[in-house]
Amino acid sequence: MTLERGRDIVRGILILFFTAISAWVNREGGLMLLAVMGILILQSTFTGWCPADLFLRPMGLRSPREQRESRAT
């Protein structure tokens, strides 16, 4: 699995979790978490870095470019 697919899985899980929080626990708090999630997704599209990388990279996930480079060497 690539780093991008790992990011997508984490994003999907967090969006579902934050939606559940806004529906069953605290509407304003859940919507704020969803807004922060949207800001972080926008930030990652511009910078190429996602906060989820902090735990996905140690798990061994790499970008397709990094995977190609490691195979070539």
Protein backbone atom coordinates (compact mmCIF):
# COMPACT_ATOMS: atom_id res chain seq x y z
CA MET A 1 0.00 0.00 0.00
CA THR A 2 1.23 3.48 -0.78
CA LEU A 3 1.38 6.52 1.49
CA GLU A 4 -1.42 8.22 -0.48
CA ARG A 5 -3.79 5.28 0.02
CA GLY A 6 -2.95 5.24 3.72
CA ARG A 7 -3.76 8.95 3.92
CA ASP A 8 -7.10 8.33 2.19
CA ILE A 9 -7.98 5.57 4.66
CA VAL A 10 -7.14 7.79 7.65
CA ARG A 11 -9.13 10.70 6.17
CA GLY A 12 -12.17 8.51 5.56
CA ILE A 13 -12.10 7.06 9.07
CA LEU A 14 -11.72 10.50 10.67
CA ILE A 15 -14.52 12.04 8.59
CA LEU A 16 -16.88 9.22 9.62
CA PHE A 17 -15.77 9.51 13.26
CA PHE A 18 -16.19 13.31 13.36
CA THR A 19 -19.59 13.05 11.67
CA ALA A 20 -20.69 10.56 14.32
CA ILE A 21 -19.47 12.94 17.03
CA SER A 22 -21.48 15.79 15.54
CA ALA A 23 -24.58 13.61 15.25
CA TRP A 24 -24.56 11.89 18.65
CA VAL A 25 -22.29 13.78 21.04
CA ASN A 26 -21.77 17.47 20.34
CA ARG A 27 -22.91 19.08 17.12
CA GLU A 28 -20.70 22.18 17.32
CA GLY A 29 -17.62 20.23 18.39
CA GLY A 30 -18.03 17.66 15.63
CA LEU A 31 -18.49 20.35 12.99
CA MET A 32 -15.37 22.15 14.25
CA LEU A 33 -13.38 18.94 13.96
CA LEU A 34 -14.68 18.47 10.41
CA ALA A 35 -13.67 22.05 9.57
CA VAL A 36 -10.15 21.47 10.92
CA MET A 37 -9.99 18.26 8.90
CA GLY A 38 -10.91 20.20 5.75
CA ILE A 39 -8.22 22.79 6.45
CA LEU A 40 -5.61 20.06 6.94
CA ILE A 41 -6.64 18.37 3.67
CA LEU A 42 -6.24 21.68 1.83
CA GLN A 43 -2.87 22.22 3.51
CA SER A 44 -1.64 18.79 2.47
CA THR A 45 -2.56 19.39 -1.18
CA PHE A 46 -0.37 22.49 -1.27
CA THR A 47 2.57 21.25 0.80
CA GLY A 48 2.58 17.51 0.06
CA TRP A 49 2.81 16.75 3.79
CA CYS A 50 -0.03 15.37 5.89
CA PRO A 51 -0.06 15.05 9.70
CA ALA A 52 -0.96 11.37 9.24
CA ASP A 53 2.53 10.89 7.79
CA LEU A 54 3.85 11.04 11.36
CA PHE A 55 2.52 7.54 11.99
CA LEU A 56 2.12 6.18 8.44
CA ARG A 57 5.82 6.50 7.51
CA PRO A 58 7.05 4.56 10.58
CA MET A 59 4.58 1.84 9.57
CA GLY A 60 6.57 1.49 6.33
CA LEU A 61 4.29 3.29 3.87
CA ARG A 62 6.09 5.18 1.11
CA SER A 63 5.06 7.30 -1.87
CA PRO A 64 5.10 5.64 -5.31
CA ARG A 65 8.23 7.63 -6.21
CA GLU A 66 10.04 6.44 -3.08
CA GLN A 67 8.99 2.85 -3.80
CA ARG A 68 10.38 3.07 -7.36
CA GLU A 69 13.64 4.55 -6.11
CA SER A 70 14.11 1.82 -3.51
CA ARG A 71 13.52 -0.88 -6.15
CA ALA A 72 16.04 0.70 -8.52
CA THR A 73 18.84 0.59 -5.96
